[in-house]
C-alpha cells in the first residue's frame, strides 16, 4: 500500500476564483508524489488546531508546496545562513 502524503493547499479568494473561496494545489505536486510512490491527499489550512491530531497520524509524510505568499523573512526565527556548497573540481 502506498503511503499517504499530505499536500498543504493554498486558499484562492472568491474574487480570484470567480465564485467562492477554494483550496488549491498545483497538479505537478500530486504527480510528483505519485511518481515517488506515495498517494497524495490534500490538507487544507483551516486554522483548526484541534483537527491536527486526527489529520496527521495516518500520513507517511507532508509536503509544503512553495507559493509566492510564503515570505521567509516574515517568520521567526530568521533563516540560518547555509554554508556555500563545495566547488566543483
PDB file of N, CA and C in Angstrom:
ATOM      1  N   UNK A   1       0.841  -1.187   0.000  1.00  0.00           N
ATOM      2  CA  UNK A   1       0.000   0.000   0.000  1.00  0.00           C
ATOM      3  C   UNK A   1       0.882   1.245   0.000  1.00  0.00           C
ATOM      4  N   UNK A   2       0.552   2.210  -0.816  1.00  0.00           N
ATOM      5  CA  UNK A   2       1.306   3.456  -0.910  1.00  0.00           C
ATOM      6  C   UNK A   2       1.097   4.299   0.351  1.00  0.00           C
ATOM      7  N   UNK A   3       2.146   4.980   0.824  1.00  0.00           N
ATOM      8  CA  UNK A   3       1.954   5.867   1.974  1.00  0.00           C
ATOM      9  C   UNK A   3       1.173   7.117   1.568  1.00  0.00           C
ATOM     10  N   UNK A   4       0.337   7.595   2.479  1.00  0.00           N
ATOM     11  CA  UNK A   4      -0.390   8.840   2.247  1.00  0.00           C
ATOM     12  C   UNK A   4       0.571  10.001   2.478  1.00  0.00           C
ATOM     13  N   UNK A   5       0.639  10.904   1.518  1.00  0.00           N
ATOM     14  CA  UNK A   5       1.485  12.084   1.633  1.00  0.00           C
ATOM     15  C   UNK A   5       0.576  13.306   1.585  1.00  0.00           C
ATOM     16  N   UNK A   6       0.547  14.037   2.686  1.00  0.00           N
ATOM     17  CA  UNK A   6      -0.275  15.238   2.764  1.00  0.00           C
ATOM     18  C   UNK A   6       0.335  16.377   1.976  1.00  0.00           C
ATOM     19  N   UNK A   7      -0.494  17.093   1.242  1.00  0.00           N
ATOM     20  CA  UNK A   7      -0.082  18.273   0.491  1.00  0.00           C
ATOM     21  C   UNK A   7      -0.858  19.461   1.037  1.00  0.00           C
ATOM     22  N   UNK A   8      -0.149  20.438   1.596  1.00  0.00           N
ATOM     23  CA  UNK A   8      -0.852  21.626   2.060  1.00  0.00           C
ATOM     24  C   UNK A   8      -1.354  22.396   0.846  1.00  0.00           C
ATOM     25  N   UNK A   9      -2.469  23.070   1.024  1.00  0.00           N
ATOM     26  CA  UNK A   9      -3.112  23.766  -0.085  1.00  0.00           C
ATOM     27  C   UNK A   9      -3.027  25.281   0.088  1.00  0.00           C
ATOM     28  N   UNK A  10      -3.247  25.989  -0.983  1.00  0.00           N
ATOM     29  CA  UNK A  10      -3.380  27.443  -0.952  1.00  0.00           C
ATOM     30  C   UNK A  10      -4.855  27.769  -1.004  1.00  0.00           C
ATOM     31  N   UNK A  11      -5.242  28.875  -0.375  1.00  0.00           N
ATOM     32  CA  UNK A  11      -6.626  29.298  -0.478  1.00  0.00           C
ATOM     33  C   UNK A  11      -6.733  30.358  -1.569  1.00  0.00           C
ATOM     34  N   UNK A  12      -7.655  30.145  -2.469  1.00  0.00           N
ATOM     35  CA  UNK A  12      -7.923  31.087  -3.549  1.00  0.00           C
ATOM     36  C   UNK A  12      -9.156  31.889  -3.136  1.00  0.00           C
ATOM     37  N   UNK A  13      -9.010  33.206  -2.930  1.00  0.00           N
ATOM     38  CA  UNK A  13     -10.154  34.030  -2.525  1.00  0.00           C
ATOM     39  C   UNK A  13     -11.266  34.037  -3.567  1.00  0.00           C
ATOM     40  N   UNK A  14     -12.479  34.299  -3.129  1.00  0.00           N
ATOM     41  CA  UNK A  14     -13.642  34.296  -4.027  1.00  0.00           C
ATOM     42  C   UNK A  14     -13.458  35.234  -5.207  1.00  0.00           C
ATOM     43  N   UNK A  15     -12.889  36.412  -4.969  1.00  0.00           N
ATOM     44  CA  UNK A  15     -12.736  37.364  -6.074  1.00  0.00           C
ATOM     45  C   UNK A  15     -11.755  36.858  -7.132  1.00  0.00           C
ATOM     46  N   UNK A  16     -10.825  35.981  -6.764  1.00  0.00           N
ATOM     47  CA  UNK A  16      -9.890  35.430  -7.746  1.00  0.00           C
ATOM     48  C   UNK A  16     -10.429  34.172  -8.420  1.00  0.00           C
ATOM     49  N   UNK A  17     -11.254  33.401  -7.695  1.00  0.00           N
ATOM     50  CA  UNK A  17     -11.766  32.151  -8.266  1.00  0.00           C
ATOM     51  C   UNK A  17     -13.011  32.369  -9.118  1.00  0.00           C
ATOM     52  N   UNK A  18     -13.644  33.529  -8.949  1.00  0.00           N
ATOM     53  CA  UNK A  18     -14.825  33.828  -9.754  1.00  0.00           C
ATOM     54  C   UNK A  18     -16.134  33.420  -9.107  1.00  0.00           C
ATOM     55  N   UNK A  19     -16.095  32.706  -7.981  1.00  0.00           N
ATOM     56  CA  UNK A  19     -17.362  32.322  -7.363  1.00  0.00           C
ATOM     57  C   UNK A  19     -17.265  32.256  -5.836  1.00  0.00           C
ATOM     58  N   UNK A  20     -16.478  31.325  -5.329  1.00  0.00           N
ATOM     59  CA  UNK A  20     -16.355  31.160  -3.882  1.00  0.00           C
ATOM     60  C   UNK A  20     -14.917  30.811  -3.532  1.00  0.00           C
ATOM     61  N   UNK A  21     -14.573  30.906  -2.235  1.00  0.00           N
ATOM     62  CA  UNK A  21     -13.231  30.527  -1.818  1.00  0.00           C
ATOM     63  C   UNK A  21     -12.972  29.074  -2.181  1.00  0.00           C
ATOM     64  N   UNK A  22     -11.743  28.787  -2.588  1.00  0.00           N
ATOM     65  CA  UNK A  22     -11.369  27.424  -2.961  1.00  0.00           C
ATOM     66  C   UNK A  22      -9.992  27.119  -2.394  1.00  0.00           C
ATOM     67  N   UNK A  23      -9.753  25.838  -2.160  1.00  0.00           N
ATOM     68  CA  UNK A  23      -8.421  25.375  -1.800  1.00  0.00           C
ATOM     69  C   UNK A  23      -7.814  24.764  -3.051  1.00  0.00           C
ATOM     70  N   UNK A  24      -6.512  24.969  -3.230  1.00  0.00           N
ATOM     71  CA  UNK A  24      -5.874  24.544  -4.469  1.00  0.00           C
ATOM     72  C   UNK A  24      -4.450  24.076  -4.210  1.00  0.00           C
ATOM     73  N   UNK A  25      -3.983  23.166  -5.060  1.00  0.00           N
ATOM     74  CA  UNK A  25      -2.588  22.759  -5.092  1.00  0.00           C
ATOM     75  C   UNK A  25      -2.267  22.430  -6.550  1.00  0.00           C
ATOM     76  N   UNK A  26      -1.079  22.780  -6.989  1.00  0.00           N
ATOM     77  CA  UNK A  26      -0.698  22.522  -8.381  1.00  0.00           C
ATOM     78  C   UNK A  26      -0.631  21.020  -8.637  1.00  0.00           C
ATOM     79  N   UNK A  27      -1.129  20.609  -9.783  1.00  0.00           N
ATOM     80  CA  UNK A  27      -1.173  19.193 -10.147  1.00  0.00           C
ATOM     81  C   UNK A  27       0.215  18.570 -10.200  1.00  0.00           C
ATOM     82  N   UNK A  28       1.235  19.368 -10.526  1.00  0.00           N
ATOM     83  CA  UNK A  28       2.577  18.790 -10.631  1.00  0.00           C
ATOM     84  C   UNK A  28       3.055  18.214  -9.297  1.00  0.00           C
ATOM     85  N   UNK A  29       2.621  18.796  -8.172  1.00  0.00           N
ATOM     86  CA  UNK A  29       2.999  18.242  -6.866  1.00  0.00           C
ATOM     87  C   UNK A  29       2.336  16.883  -6.636  1.00  0.00           C
ATOM     88  N   UNK A  30       1.086  16.756  -7.046  1.00  0.00           N
ATOM     89  CA  UNK A  30       0.387  15.471  -6.923  1.00  0.00           C
ATOM     90  C   UNK A  30       1.068  14.411  -7.779  1.00  0.00           C
ATOM     91  N   UNK A  31       1.434  14.788  -8.989  1.00  0.00           N
ATOM     92  CA  UNK A  31       2.118  13.843  -9.882  1.00  0.00           C
ATOM     93  C   UNK A  31       3.481  13.441  -9.328  1.00  0.00           C
ATOM     94  N   UNK A  32       4.174  14.391  -8.698  1.00  0.00           N
ATOM     95  CA  UNK A  32       5.481  14.080  -8.121  1.00  0.00           C
ATOM     96  C   UNK A  32       5.350  13.096  -6.960  1.00  0.00           C
ATOM     97  N   UNK A  33       4.333  13.272  -6.136  1.00  0.00           N
ATOM     98  CA  UNK A  33       4.100  12.340  -5.026  1.00  0.00           C
ATOM     99  C   UNK A  33       3.796  10.947  -5.571  1.00  0.00           C
ATOM    100  N   UNK A  34       2.950  10.873  -6.595  1.00  0.00           N
ATOM    101  CA  UNK A  34       2.643   9.580  -7.219  1.00  0.00           C
ATOM    102  C   UNK A  34       3.893   8.931  -7.798  1.00  0.00           C
ATOM    103  N   UNK A  35       4.696   9.728  -8.499  1.00  0.00           N
ATOM    104  CA  UNK A  35       5.917   9.200  -9.118  1.00  0.00           C
ATOM    105  C   UNK A  35       6.901   8.692  -8.070  1.00  0.00           C
ATOM    106  N   UNK A  36       6.862   9.269  -6.886  1.00  0.00           N
ATOM    107  CA  UNK A  36       7.767   8.852  -5.813  1.00  0.00           C
ATOM    108  C   UNK A  36       7.217   7.664  -5.027  1.00  0.00           C
ATOM    109  N   UNK A  37       6.013   7.204  -5.387  1.00  0.00           N
ATOM    110  CA  UNK A  37       5.450   6.034  -4.725  1.00  0.00           C
ATOM    111  C   UNK A  37       4.437   6.324  -3.645  1.00  0.00           C
ATOM    112  N   UNK A  38       4.030   7.585  -3.502  1.00  0.00           N
ATOM    113  CA  UNK A  38       3.044   7.938  -2.486  1.00  0.00           C
ATOM    114  C   UNK A  38       1.670   8.176  -3.067  1.00  0.00           C
ATOM    115  N   UNK A  39       0.703   8.372  -2.186  1.00  0.00           N
ATOM    116  CA  UNK A  39      -0.660   8.738  -2.575  1.00  0.00           C
ATOM    117  C   UNK A  39      -0.945  10.120  -2.021  1.00  0.00           C
ATOM    118  N   UNK A  40      -1.136  11.118  -2.887  1.00  0.00           N
ATOM    119  CA  UNK A  40      -1.352  12.477  -2.402  1.00  0.00           C
ATOM    120  C   UNK A  40      -2.730  12.653  -1.773  1.00  0.00           C
ATOM    121  N   UNK A  41      -2.763  13.418  -0.706  1.00  0.00           N
ATOM    122  CA  UNK A  41      -4.025  13.772  -0.053  1.00  0.00           C
ATOM    123  C   UNK A  41      -3.914  15.229   0.365  1.00  0.00           C
ATOM    124  N   UNK A  42      -4.952  16.016   0.108  1.00  0.00           N
ATOM    125  CA  UNK A  42      -4.915  17.442   0.402  1.00  0.00           C
ATOM    126  C   UNK A  42      -5.146  17.706   1.881  1.00  0.00           C
ATOM    127  N   UNK A  43      -4.389  18.663   2.414  1.00  0.00           N
ATOM    128  CA  UNK A  43      -4.538  19.104   3.804  1.00  0.00           C
ATOM    129  C   UNK A  43      -4.796  20.610   3.750  1.00  0.00           C
ATOM    130  N   UNK A  44      -6.083  21.013   3.797  1.00  0.00           N
ATOM    131  CA  UNK A  44      -6.387  22.442   3.723  1.00  0.00           C
ATOM    132  C   UNK A  44      -6.022  23.155   5.019  1.00  0.00           C
ATOM    133  N   UNK A  45      -5.561  24.388   4.887  1.00  0.00           N
ATOM    134  CA  UNK A  45      -5.224  25.193   6.066  1.00  0.00           C
ATOM    135  C   UNK A  45      -6.459  25.862   6.621  1.00  0.00           C
ATOM    136  N   UNK A  46      -7.153  25.163   7.506  1.00  0.00           N
ATOM    137  CA  UNK A  46      -8.395  25.692   8.060  1.00  0.00           C
ATOM    138  C   UNK A  46      -8.181  26.452   9.363  1.00  0.00           C
ATOM    139  N   UNK A  47      -6.988  26.374   9.926  1.00  0.00           N
ATOM    140  CA  UNK A  47      -6.706  27.072  11.174  1.00  0.00           C
ATOM    141  C   UNK A  47      -7.324  26.419  12.394  1.00  0.00           C
ATOM    142  N   UNK A  48      -7.631  25.136  12.323  1.00  0.00           N
ATOM    143  CA  UNK A  48      -8.248  24.419  13.439  1.00  0.00           C
ATOM    144  C   UNK A  48      -7.217  23.503  14.088  1.00  0.00           C
ATOM    145  N   UNK A  49      -6.590  23.980  15.158  1.00  0.00           N
ATOM    146  CA  UNK A  49      -5.544  23.205  15.830  1.00  0.00           C
ATOM    147  C   UNK A  49      -6.076  21.889  16.394  1.00  0.00           C
ATOM    148  N   UNK A  50      -7.347  21.827  16.731  1.00  0.00           N
ATOM    149  CA  UNK A  50      -7.911  20.596  17.291  1.00  0.00           C
ATOM    150  C   UNK A  50      -8.018  19.485  16.244  1.00  0.00           C
ATOM    151  N   UNK A  51      -7.981  19.823  14.967  1.00  0.00           N
ATOM    152  CA  UNK A  51      -8.075  18.821  13.906  1.00  0.00           C
ATOM    153  C   UNK A  51      -6.742  18.116  13.672  1.00  0.00           C
ATOM    154  N   UNK A  52      -5.651  18.732  14.088  1.00  0.00           N
ATOM    155  CA  UNK A  52      -4.319  18.187  13.809  1.00  0.00           C
ATOM    156  C   UNK A  52      -4.139  16.753  14.305  1.00  0.00           C
ATOM    157  N   UNK A  53      -4.521  16.414  15.537  1.00  0.00           N
ATOM    158  CA  UNK A  53      -4.311  15.035  15.991  1.00  0.00           C
ATOM    159  C   UNK A  53      -5.036  13.992  15.141  1.00  0.00           C
ATOM    160  N   UNK A  54      -6.109  14.354  14.486  1.00  0.00           N
ATOM    161  CA  UNK A  54      -6.838  13.403  13.638  1.00  0.00           C
ATOM    162  C   UNK A  54      -6.259  13.336  12.231  1.00  0.00           C
ATOM    163  N   UNK A  55      -5.701  14.448  11.752  1.00  0.00           N
ATOM    164  CA  UNK A  55      -5.242  14.515  10.365  1.00  0.00           C
ATOM    165  C   UNK A  55      -3.876  13.874  10.164  1.00  0.00           C
ATOM    166  N   UNK A  56      -2.927  14.150  11.037  1.00  0.00           N
ATOM    167  CA  UNK A  56      -1.540  13.779  10.776  1.00  0.00           C
ATOM    168  C   UNK A  56      -1.121  12.346  11.065  1.00  0.00           C
ATOM    169  N   UNK A  57      -1.682  11.637  12.019  1.00  0.00           N
ATOM    170  CA  UNK A  57      -1.192  10.269  12.264  1.00  0.00           C
ATOM    171  C   UNK A  57      -1.213   9.325  11.066  1.00  0.00           C
ATOM    172  N   UNK A  58      -2.230   9.358  10.195  1.00  0.00           N
ATOM    173  CA  UNK A  58      -2.202   8.408   9.064  1.00  0.00           C
ATOM    174  C   UNK A  58      -1.212   8.779   7.961  1.00  0.00           C
ATOM    175  N   UNK A  59      -0.640   9.980   8.024  1.00  0.00           N
ATOM    176  CA  UNK A  59       0.244  10.423   6.945  1.00  0.00           C
ATOM    177  C   UNK A  59       1.634   9.826   7.077  1.00  0.00           C
ATOM    178  N   UNK A  60       2.198   9.450   5.929  1.00  0.00           N
ATOM    179  CA  UNK A  60       3.570   8.977   5.888  1.00  0.00           C
ATOM    180  C   UNK A  60       4.539  10.105   5.610  1.00  0.00           C
ATOM    181  N   UNK A  61       4.023  11.280   5.303  1.00  0.00           N
ATOM    182  CA  UNK A  61       4.848  12.447   5.027  1.00  0.00           C
ATOM    183  C   UNK A  61       3.974  13.647   4.757  1.00  0.00           C
ATOM    184  N   UNK A  62       4.602  14.801   4.727  1.00  0.00           N
ATOM    185  CA  UNK A  62       3.880  16.046   4.500  1.00  0.00           C
ATOM    186  C   UNK A  62       4.717  16.925   3.581  1.00  0.00           C
ATOM    187  N   UNK A  63       4.096  17.420   2.522  1.00  0.00           N
ATOM    188  CA  UNK A  63       4.768  18.279   1.555  1.00  0.00           C
ATOM    189  C   UNK A  63       4.163  19.672   1.632  1.00  0.00           C
ATOM    190  N   UNK A  64       5.024  20.666   1.791  1.00  0.00           N
ATOM    191  CA  UNK A  64       4.599  22.060   1.801  1.00  0.00           C
ATOM    192  C   UNK A  64       5.006  22.680   0.466  1.00  0.00           C
ATOM    193  N   UNK A  65       4.118  22.635  -0.545  1.00  0.00           N
ATOM    194  CA  UNK A  65       4.477  23.230  -1.836  1.00  0.00           C
ATOM    195  C   UNK A  65       4.765  24.716  -1.663  1.00  0.00           C
ATOM    196  N   UNK A  66       5.719  25.210  -2.407  1.00  0.00           N
ATOM    197  CA  UNK A  66       6.054  26.629  -2.336  1.00  0.00           C
ATOM    198  C   UNK A  66       4.957  27.490  -2.924  1.00  0.00           C
ATOM    199  N   UNK A  67       4.935  28.730  -2.476  1.00  0.00           N
ATOM    200  CA  UNK A  67       3.989  29.680  -3.045  1.00  0.00           C
ATOM    201  C   UNK A  67       4.540  31.075  -2.847  1.00  0.00           C
ATOM    202  N   UNK A  68       4.137  32.021  -3.676  1.00  0.00           N
ATOM    203  CA  UNK A  68       4.667  33.372  -3.552  1.00  0.00           C
ATOM    204  C   UNK A  68       4.264  34.052  -2.246  1.00  0.00           C
ATOM    205  N   UNK A  69       3.209  33.581  -1.584  1.00  0.00           N
ATOM    206  CA  UNK A  69       2.753  34.208  -0.338  1.00  0.00           C
ATOM    207  C   UNK A  69       3.643  33.853   0.850  1.00  0.00           C
ATOM    208  N   UNK A  70       4.511  32.876   0.698  1.00  0.00           N
ATOM    209  CA  UNK A  70       5.397  32.480   1.781  1.00  0.00           C
ATOM    210  C   UNK A  70       6.650  33.341   1.738  1.00  0.00           C
ATOM    211  N   UNK A  71       6.751  34.260   2.645  1.00  0.00           N
ATOM    212  CA  UNK A  71       7.900  35.161   2.704  1.00  0.00           C
ATOM    213  C   UNK A  71       8.742  34.793   3.923  1.00  0.00           C
ATOM    214  N   UNK A  72       9.870  34.120   3.736  1.00  0.00           N
ATOM    215  CA  UNK A  72      10.665  33.627   4.858  1.00  0.00           C
ATOM    216  C   UNK A  72      11.113  34.705   5.829  1.00  0.00           C
ATOM    217  N   UNK A  73      11.304  35.939   5.369  1.00  0.00           N
ATOM    218  CA  UNK A  73      11.777  36.983   6.271  1.00  0.00           C
ATOM    219  C   UNK A  73      10.708  37.439   7.257  1.00  0.00           C
ATOM    220  N   UNK A  74       9.471  37.021   7.066  1.00  0.00           N
ATOM    221  CA  UNK A  74       8.390  37.404   7.976  1.00  0.00           C
ATOM    222  C   UNK A  74       8.232  36.435   9.139  1.00  0.00           C
ATOM    223  N   UNK A  75       8.985  35.360   9.157  1.00  0.00           N
ATOM    224  CA  UNK A  75       8.819  34.325  10.172  1.00  0.00           C
ATOM    225  C   UNK A  75       9.984  34.335  11.153  1.00  0.00           C
ATOM    226  N   UNK A  76       9.699  33.970  12.393  1.00  0.00           N
ATOM    227  CA  UNK A  76      10.751  33.864  13.421  1.00  0.00           C
ATOM    228  C   UNK A  76      11.124  32.420  13.574  1.00  0.00           C
ATOM    229  N   UNK A  77      12.305  32.063  13.881  1.00  0.00           N
ATOM    230  CA  UNK A  77      13.485  32.928  13.867  1.00  0.00           C
ATOM    231  C   UNK A  77      13.924  33.194  12.442  1.00  0.00           C
ATOM    232  N   UNK A  78      14.826  34.180  12.265  1.00  0.00           N
ATOM    233  CA  UNK A  78      15.290  34.458  10.904  1.00  0.00           C
ATOM    234  C   UNK A  78      16.012  33.256  10.321  1.00  0.00           C
ATOM    235  N   UNK A  79      16.020  33.121   8.998  1.00  0.00           N
ATOM    236  CA  UNK A  79      16.681  31.974   8.377  1.00  0.00           C
ATOM    237  C   UNK A  79      18.161  31.890   8.778  1.00  0.00           C
ATOM    238  N   UNK A  80      18.632  30.668   8.948  1.00  0.00           N
ATOM    239  CA  UNK A  80      20.033  30.435   9.262  1.00  0.00           C
ATOM    240  C   UNK A  80      20.814  30.397   7.956  1.00  0.00           C
ATOM    241  N   UNK A  81      21.897  31.166   7.860  1.00  0.00           N
ATOM    242  CA  UNK A  81      22.688  31.115   6.617  1.00  0.00           C
ATOM    243  C   UNK A  81      23.263  29.722   6.405  1.00  0.00           C
ATOM    244  N   UNK A  82      23.247  29.275   5.184  1.00  0.00           N
ATOM    245  CA  UNK A  82      23.803  27.950   4.844  1.00  0.00           C
ATOM    246  C   UNK A  82      25.210  28.133   4.305  1.00  0.00           C
ATOM    247  N   UNK A  83      26.096  27.191   4.608  1.00  0.00           N
ATOM    248  CA  UNK A  83      27.428  27.295   4.024  1.00  0.00           C
ATOM    249  C   UNK A  83      27.363  27.114   2.514  1.00  0.00           C
ATOM    250  N   UNK A  84      28.301  27.707   1.827  1.00  0.00           N
ATOM    251  CA  UNK A  84      28.353  27.578   0.363  1.00  0.00           C
ATOM    252  C   UNK A  84      28.677  26.133   0.004  1.00  0.00           C
ATOM    253  N   UNK A  85      28.064  25.617  -1.066  1.00  0.00           N
ATOM    254  CA  UNK A  85      28.391  24.248  -1.487  1.00  0.00           C
ATOM    255  C   UNK A  85      29.841  24.175  -1.955  1.00  0.00           C
ATOM    256  N   UNK A  86      30.441  22.997  -1.849  1.00  0.00           N
ATOM    257  CA  UNK A  86      31.826  22.881  -2.299  1.00  0.00           C
ATOM    258  C   UNK A  86      31.937  23.132  -3.793  1.00  0.00           C
ATOM    259  N   UNK A  87      33.051  23.693  -4.194  1.00  0.00           N
ATOM    260  CA  UNK A  87      33.276  23.995  -5.604  1.00  0.00           C
ATOM    261  C   UNK A  87      33.507  22.702  -6.371  1.00  0.00           C
ATOM    262  N   UNK A  88      33.054  22.685  -7.600  1.00  0.00           N
ATOM    263  CA  UNK A  88      33.279  21.521  -8.458  1.00  0.00           C
ATOM    264  C   UNK A  88      34.736  21.516  -8.940  1.00  0.00           C
ATOM    265  N   UNK A  89      35.348  20.336  -9.019  1.00  0.00           N
ATOM    266  CA  UNK A  89      36.750  20.299  -9.475  1.00  0.00           C
ATOM    267  C   UNK A  89      36.877  20.633 -10.941  1.00  0.00           C
TER     268      UNK A  89
END
